[in-house]
Amino acid sequence: MNQSKSRDFQKGSILSISEKMLKKNRQPLTYRELFDVAIEKGYQNKEVLEKPAVFGQRVKEDIKRRQGESIFQIVGFRQVGLKEWGLPDFDLEEYKRNIQEEARKNKKVSVIAATIEALKKTGRPMRVKEIFEYVINHDKVKFKSKTPFKTVNSNITHEINRKGKNSRFVRISRGLIDLKKRY
């Protein structure tokens, strides 16, 4: 059983191609990179000409089938390396948590949410112009409009008119807005 684990790969198979490409590059590659290199090198195996995801599927099947005895190792999201390199294992759950956390940090906030935040922070009614200045300086609000002041005013007015009694805002006087729950 001292034979190389790669010897039972069929010549020209995705697994043998993957092994050759990884050894030649001496670094982990994504499934797409393995696929592109295989096509570039002229491998004409019908199996190779399928989608890049097939590379990942075949490698994952090999790892599962050999139960720790595979020469391959998943080292990143859609990234594979050789076990002999001694790289740390990839933790998919940790990766998903990091992606979700990053999405929460970069989440864009609506004009209405920023308006509510402004009114809560000041603790008093604000003029639409003051709300606009807060919203425009809020890092997570992006305007596509050429007239962002009108967009802020329009969003507030629309909320009040559309939701009526259930609106989160109340117009105290012309241009003066506050949170309804304070009244």
C-alpha atoms as a PDB file:
ATOM      1  CA  MET A   1       0.000   0.000   0.000  1.00  0.00           C
ATOM      2  CA  ASN A   2       3.051   2.279  -0.316  1.00  0.00           C
ATOM      3  CA  GLN A   3       2.017   3.168  -3.857  1.00  0.00           C
ATOM      4  CA  SER A   4       1.319   6.802  -4.621  1.00  0.00           C
ATOM      5  CA  LYS A   5      -2.297   7.708  -4.035  1.00  0.00           C
ATOM      6  CA  SER A   6      -2.437   9.395  -7.444  1.00  0.00           C
ATOM      7  CA  ARG A   7      -1.758   6.137  -9.301  1.00  0.00           C
ATOM      8  CA  ASP A   8      -5.353   5.026  -9.113  1.00  0.00           C
ATOM      9  CA  PHE A   9      -6.529   8.170 -10.941  1.00  0.00           C
ATOM     10  CA  GLN A  10      -7.438   7.428 -14.511  1.00  0.00           C
ATOM     11  CA  LYS A  11      -5.015   9.150 -16.889  1.00  0.00           C
ATOM     12  CA  GLY A  12      -6.562  12.379 -18.188  1.00  0.00           C
ATOM     13  CA  SER A  13      -9.291  12.397 -15.538  1.00  0.00           C
ATOM     14  CA  ILE A  14     -10.222  15.551 -13.694  1.00  0.00           C
ATOM     15  CA  LEU A  15      -8.444  14.256 -10.585  1.00  0.00           C
ATOM     16  CA  SER A  16      -5.177  13.501 -12.391  1.00  0.00           C
ATOM     17  CA  ILE A  17      -5.325  16.855 -14.202  1.00  0.00           C
ATOM     18  CA  SER A  18      -6.045  18.647 -10.922  1.00  0.00           C
ATOM     19  CA  GLU A  19      -3.111  16.922  -9.231  1.00  0.00           C
ATOM     20  CA  LYS A  20      -0.742  17.853 -12.084  1.00  0.00           C
ATOM     21  CA  MET A  21      -1.913  21.479 -12.146  1.00  0.00           C
ATOM     22  CA  LEU A  22      -1.610  21.885  -8.375  1.00  0.00           C
ATOM     23  CA  LYS A  23       1.878  20.348  -8.300  1.00  0.00           C
ATOM     24  CA  LYS A  24       2.989  22.548 -11.181  1.00  0.00           C
ATOM     25  CA  ASN A  25       1.578  25.773  -9.685  1.00  0.00           C
ATOM     26  CA  ARG A  26       2.652  24.929  -6.093  1.00  0.00           C
ATOM     27  CA  GLN A  27      -0.256  26.871  -4.644  1.00  0.00           C
ATOM     28  CA  PRO A  28      -3.999  26.366  -4.111  1.00  0.00           C
ATOM     29  CA  LEU A  29      -6.209  26.995  -7.119  1.00  0.00           C
ATOM     30  CA  THR A  30      -9.909  27.622  -7.500  1.00  0.00           C
ATOM     31  CA  TYR A  31     -12.024  25.189  -9.458  1.00  0.00           C
ATOM     32  CA  ARG A  32     -12.313  27.827 -12.194  1.00  0.00           C
ATOM     33  CA  GLU A  33      -8.506  28.178 -12.373  1.00  0.00           C
ATOM     34  CA  LEU A  34      -8.093  24.397 -12.626  1.00  0.00           C
ATOM     35  CA  PHE A  35     -10.685  24.326 -15.408  1.00  0.00           C
ATOM     36  CA  ASP A  36      -9.074  27.226 -17.302  1.00  0.00           C
ATOM     37  CA  VAL A  37      -5.596  25.665 -17.087  1.00  0.00           C
ATOM     38  CA  ALA A  38      -6.954  22.316 -18.285  1.00  0.00           C
ATOM     39  CA  ILE A  39      -8.594  23.947 -21.312  1.00  0.00           C
ATOM     40  CA  GLU A  40      -5.471  26.057 -21.958  1.00  0.00           C
ATOM     41  CA  LYS A  41      -3.259  22.952 -21.857  1.00  0.00           C
ATOM     42  CA  GLY A  42      -5.496  21.276 -24.407  1.00  0.00           C
ATOM     43  CA  TYR A  43      -7.005  18.481 -22.335  1.00  0.00           C
ATOM     44  CA  GLN A  44      -9.777  17.173 -24.538  1.00  0.00           C
ATOM     45  CA  ASN A  45     -11.399  14.710 -22.155  1.00  0.00           C
ATOM     46  CA  LYS A  46     -15.202  15.018 -22.417  1.00  0.00           C
ATOM     47  CA  GLU A  47     -15.351  15.238 -18.618  1.00  0.00           C
ATOM     48  CA  VAL A  48     -12.901  18.192 -18.651  1.00  0.00           C
ATOM     49  CA  LEU A  49     -14.975  20.167 -21.122  1.00  0.00           C
ATOM     50  CA  GLU A  50     -17.867  20.336 -18.671  1.00  0.00           C
ATOM     51  CA  LYS A  51     -18.422  23.205 -16.228  1.00  0.00           C
ATOM     52  CA  PRO A  52     -15.700  24.423 -13.818  1.00  0.00           C
ATOM     53  CA  ALA A  53     -17.853  23.276 -10.884  1.00  0.00           C
ATOM     54  CA  VAL A  54     -17.301  19.687 -12.018  1.00  0.00           C
ATOM     55  CA  PHE A  55     -13.675  20.025 -10.916  1.00  0.00           C
ATOM     56  CA  GLY A  56     -14.806  20.942  -7.422  1.00  0.00           C
ATOM     57  CA  GLN A  57     -17.397  18.189  -7.391  1.00  0.00           C
ATOM     58  CA  ARG A  58     -14.873  15.518  -8.391  1.00  0.00           C
ATOM     59  CA  VAL A  59     -12.298  16.707  -5.842  1.00  0.00           C
ATOM     60  CA  LYS A  60     -14.900  16.812  -3.039  1.00  0.00           C
ATOM     61  CA  GLU A  61     -16.105  13.320  -3.995  1.00  0.00           C
ATOM     62  CA  ASP A  62     -12.508  12.064  -3.844  1.00  0.00           C
ATOM     63  CA  ILE A  63     -11.984  13.594  -0.399  1.00  0.00           C
ATOM     64  CA  LYS A  64     -15.232  12.090   0.888  1.00  0.00           C
ATOM     65  CA  ARG A  65     -14.663   8.664  -0.701  1.00  0.00           C
ATOM     66  CA  ARG A  66     -11.125   8.319   0.616  1.00  0.00           C
ATOM     67  CA  GLN A  67     -12.047   9.522   4.133  1.00  0.00           C
ATOM     68  CA  GLY A  68      -8.915  11.487   4.954  1.00  0.00           C
ATOM     69  CA  GLU A  69      -6.653   9.542   2.584  1.00  0.00           C
ATOM     70  CA  SER A  70      -7.173  11.823  -0.421  1.00  0.00           C
ATOM     71  CA  ILE A  71      -4.225  13.809  -1.728  1.00  0.00           C
ATOM     72  CA  PHE A  72      -6.536  16.833  -2.036  1.00  0.00           C
ATOM     73  CA  GLN A  73      -7.669  19.278   0.608  1.00  0.00           C
ATOM     74  CA  ILE A  74     -10.274  22.049   0.506  1.00  0.00           C
ATOM     75  CA  VAL A  75      -8.344  25.136   1.649  1.00  0.00           C
ATOM     76  CA  GLY A  76     -10.715  27.997   0.822  1.00  0.00           C
ATOM     77  CA  PHE A  77     -14.044  28.835  -0.752  1.00  0.00           C
ATOM     78  CA  ARG A  78     -13.984  26.849  -4.014  1.00  0.00           C
ATOM     79  CA  GLN A  79     -10.242  26.443  -3.572  1.00  0.00           C
ATOM     80  CA  VAL A  80      -8.277  23.223  -3.465  1.00  0.00           C
ATOM     81  CA  GLY A  81      -4.700  22.355  -2.560  1.00  0.00           C
ATOM     82  CA  LEU A  82      -2.645  19.257  -1.953  1.00  0.00           C
ATOM     83  CA  LYS A  83      -2.734  17.722   1.506  1.00  0.00           C
ATOM     84  CA  GLU A  84       1.052  17.319   1.465  1.00  0.00           C
ATOM     85  CA  TRP A  85       1.380  21.126   1.697  1.00  0.00           C
ATOM     86  CA  GLY A  86       0.018  21.035   5.259  1.00  0.00           C
ATOM     87  CA  LEU A  87      -2.387  23.957   4.821  1.00  0.00           C
ATOM     88  CA  PRO A  88      -5.140  24.516   7.407  1.00  0.00           C
ATOM     89  CA  ASP A  89      -8.556  23.045   6.643  1.00  0.00           C
ATOM     90  CA  PHE A  90     -11.258  25.354   5.351  1.00  0.00           C
ATOM     91  CA  ASP A  91     -14.156  26.028   7.748  1.00  0.00           C
ATOM     92  CA  LEU A  92     -17.245  26.720   5.628  1.00  0.00           C
ATOM     93  CA  GLU A  93     -19.382  27.750   8.610  1.00  0.00           C
ATOM     94  CA  GLU A  94     -16.815  30.322   9.741  1.00  0.00           C
ATOM     95  CA  TYR A  95     -16.592  31.602   6.170  1.00  0.00           C
ATOM     96  CA  LYS A  96     -20.397  32.022   6.035  1.00  0.00           C
ATOM     97  CA  ARG A  97     -20.390  33.867   9.373  1.00  0.00           C
ATOM     98  CA  ASN A  98     -17.687  36.238   8.107  1.00  0.00           C
ATOM     99  CA  ILE A  99     -19.626  36.930   4.906  1.00  0.00           C
ATOM    100  CA  GLN A 100     -22.819  37.661   6.867  1.00  0.00           C
ATOM    101  CA  GLU A 101     -20.960  39.961   9.265  1.00  0.00           C
ATOM    102  CA  GLU A 102     -19.364  41.813   6.361  1.00  0.00           C
ATOM    103  CA  ALA A 103     -22.777  42.196   4.707  1.00  0.00           C
ATOM    104  CA  ARG A 104     -24.213  43.635   7.930  1.00  0.00           C
ATOM    105  CA  LYS A 105     -21.366  46.155   8.125  1.00  0.00           C
ATOM    106  CA  ASN A 106     -21.809  47.262   4.510  1.00  0.00           C
ATOM    107  CA  LYS A 107     -25.603  47.253   4.484  1.00  0.00           C
ATOM    108  CA  LYS A 108     -27.074  50.329   2.888  1.00  0.00           C
ATOM    109  CA  VAL A 109     -29.664  52.217   4.914  1.00  0.00           C
ATOM    110  CA  SER A 110     -32.816  53.678   3.424  1.00  0.00           C
ATOM    111  CA  VAL A 111     -33.610  57.370   3.610  1.00  0.00           C
ATOM    112  CA  ILE A 112     -36.502  56.569   5.960  1.00  0.00           C
ATOM    113  CA  ALA A 113     -34.262  54.547   8.311  1.00  0.00           C
ATOM    114  CA  ALA A 114     -31.685  57.351   8.363  1.00  0.00           C
ATOM    115  CA  THR A 115     -34.461  59.889   9.026  1.00  0.00           C
ATOM    116  CA  ILE A 116     -35.715  57.843  11.982  1.00  0.00           C
ATOM    117  CA  GLU A 117     -32.153  57.564  13.282  1.00  0.00           C
ATOM    118  CA  ALA A 118     -31.642  61.347  12.978  1.00  0.00           C
ATOM    119  CA  LEU A 119     -34.876  62.114  14.835  1.00  0.00           C
ATOM    120  CA  LYS A 120     -34.031  59.610  17.591  1.00  0.00           C
ATOM    121  CA  LYS A 121     -30.505  60.962  18.047  1.00  0.00           C
ATOM    122  CA  THR A 122     -31.569  64.596  18.305  1.00  0.00           C
ATOM    123  CA  GLY A 123     -34.598  63.817  20.447  1.00  0.00           C
ATOM    124  CA  ARG A 124     -36.504  66.766  18.983  1.00  0.00           C
ATOM    125  CA  PRO A 125     -38.473  67.717  15.866  1.00  0.00           C
ATOM    126  CA  MET A 126     -36.271  68.610  12.901  1.00  0.00           C
ATOM    127  CA  ARG A 127     -36.668  70.648   9.758  1.00  0.00           C
ATOM    128  CA  VAL A 128     -36.461  68.675   6.523  1.00  0.00           C
ATOM    129  CA  LYS A 129     -33.250  70.552   5.701  1.00  0.00           C
ATOM    130  CA  GLU A 130     -31.649  69.351   8.974  1.00  0.00           C
ATOM    131  CA  ILE A 131     -32.799  65.805   8.283  1.00  0.00           C
ATOM    132  CA  PHE A 132     -31.373  66.083   4.773  1.00  0.00           C
ATOM    133  CA  GLU A 133     -27.993  67.215   6.123  1.00  0.00           C
ATOM    134  CA  TYR A 134     -27.915  64.256   8.514  1.00  0.00           C
ATOM    135  CA  VAL A 135     -28.973  61.790   5.812  1.00  0.00           C
ATOM    136  CA  ILE A 136     -26.518  63.122   3.216  1.00  0.00           C
ATOM    137  CA  ASN A 137     -23.666  62.713   5.711  1.00  0.00           C
ATOM    138  CA  HIS A 138     -24.799  59.230   6.725  1.00  0.00           C
ATOM    139  CA  ASP A 139     -22.196  56.821   5.309  1.00  0.00           C
ATOM    140  CA  LYS A 140     -24.611  54.109   4.288  1.00  0.00           C
ATOM    141  CA  VAL A 141     -27.166  56.156   2.342  1.00  0.00           C
ATOM    142  CA  LYS A 142     -26.480  56.337  -1.385  1.00  0.00           C
ATOM    143  CA  PHE A 143     -28.481  58.564  -3.675  1.00  0.00           C
ATOM    144  CA  LYS A 144     -29.014  57.911  -7.350  1.00  0.00           C
ATOM    145  CA  SER A 145     -31.084  61.061  -7.636  1.00  0.00           C
ATOM    146  CA  LYS A 146     -29.724  64.358  -8.934  1.00  0.00           C
ATOM    147  CA  THR A 147     -31.848  66.118  -6.304  1.00  0.00           C
ATOM    148  CA  PRO A 148     -31.244  64.290  -3.005  1.00  0.00           C
ATOM    149  CA  PHE A 149     -32.967  66.988  -0.899  1.00  0.00           C
ATOM    150  CA  LYS A 150     -36.193  66.436  -2.844  1.00  0.00           C
ATOM    151  CA  THR A 151     -35.743  62.671  -2.413  1.00  0.00           C
ATOM    152  CA  VAL A 152     -35.556  63.006   1.379  1.00  0.00           C
ATOM    153  CA  ASN A 153     -38.566  65.334   1.487  1.00  0.00           C
ATOM    154  CA  SER A 154     -40.493  63.117  -0.911  1.00  0.00           C
ATOM    155  CA  ASN A 155     -39.776  59.948   1.120  1.00  0.00           C
ATOM    156  CA  ILE A 156     -41.019  61.574   4.332  1.00  0.00           C
ATOM    157  CA  THR A 157     -44.106  63.060   2.661  1.00  0.00           C
ATOM    158  CA  HIS A 158     -44.890  59.783   0.946  1.00  0.00           C
ATOM    159  CA  GLU A 159     -44.653  57.884   4.254  1.00  0.00           C
ATOM    160  CA  ILE A 160     -47.011  60.345   5.964  1.00  0.00           C
ATOM    161  CA  ASN A 161     -49.536  60.413   3.093  1.00  0.00           C
ATOM    162  CA  ARG A 162     -49.468  56.693   2.318  1.00  0.00           C
ATOM    163  CA  LYS A 163     -49.593  55.323   5.856  1.00  0.00           C
ATOM    164  CA  GLY A 164     -51.686  58.063   7.442  1.00  0.00           C
ATOM    165  CA  LYS A 165     -52.300  57.181  11.104  1.00  0.00           C
ATOM    166  CA  ASN A 166     -49.753  54.342  10.889  1.00  0.00           C
ATOM    167  CA  SER A 167     -46.966  56.608   9.664  1.00  0.00           C
ATOM    168  CA  ARG A 168     -43.816  56.721  11.771  1.00  0.00           C
ATOM    169  CA  PHE A 169     -43.632  60.483  11.261  1.00  0.00           C
ATOM    170  CA  VAL A 170     -45.813  63.447  12.044  1.00  0.00           C
ATOM    171  CA  ARG A 171     -45.659  66.829  10.350  1.00  0.00           C
ATOM    172  CA  ILE A 172     -45.804  69.419  13.142  1.00  0.00           C
ATOM    173  CA  SER A 173     -45.742  72.411  10.812  1.00  0.00           C
ATOM    174  CA  ARG A 174     -44.571  73.132   7.302  1.00  0.00           C
ATOM    175  CA  GLY A 175     -41.115  71.523   6.999  1.00  0.00           C
ATOM    176  CA  LEU A 176     -40.978  70.411  10.656  1.00  0.00           C
ATOM    177  CA  ILE A 177     -41.032  66.630  11.193  1.00  0.00           C
ATOM    178  CA  ASP A 178     -40.908  64.428  14.275  1.00  0.00           C
ATOM    179  CA  LEU A 179     -41.426  60.809  15.243  1.00  0.00           C
ATOM    180  CA  LYS A 180     -45.089  60.023  15.781  1.00  0.00           C
ATOM    181  CA  LYS A 181     -44.462  57.978  18.922  1.00  0.00           C
ATOM    182  CA  ARG A 182     -43.391  61.178  20.725  1.00  0.00           C
ATOM    183  CA  TYR A 183     -46.903  62.613  20.208  1.00  0.00           C
END
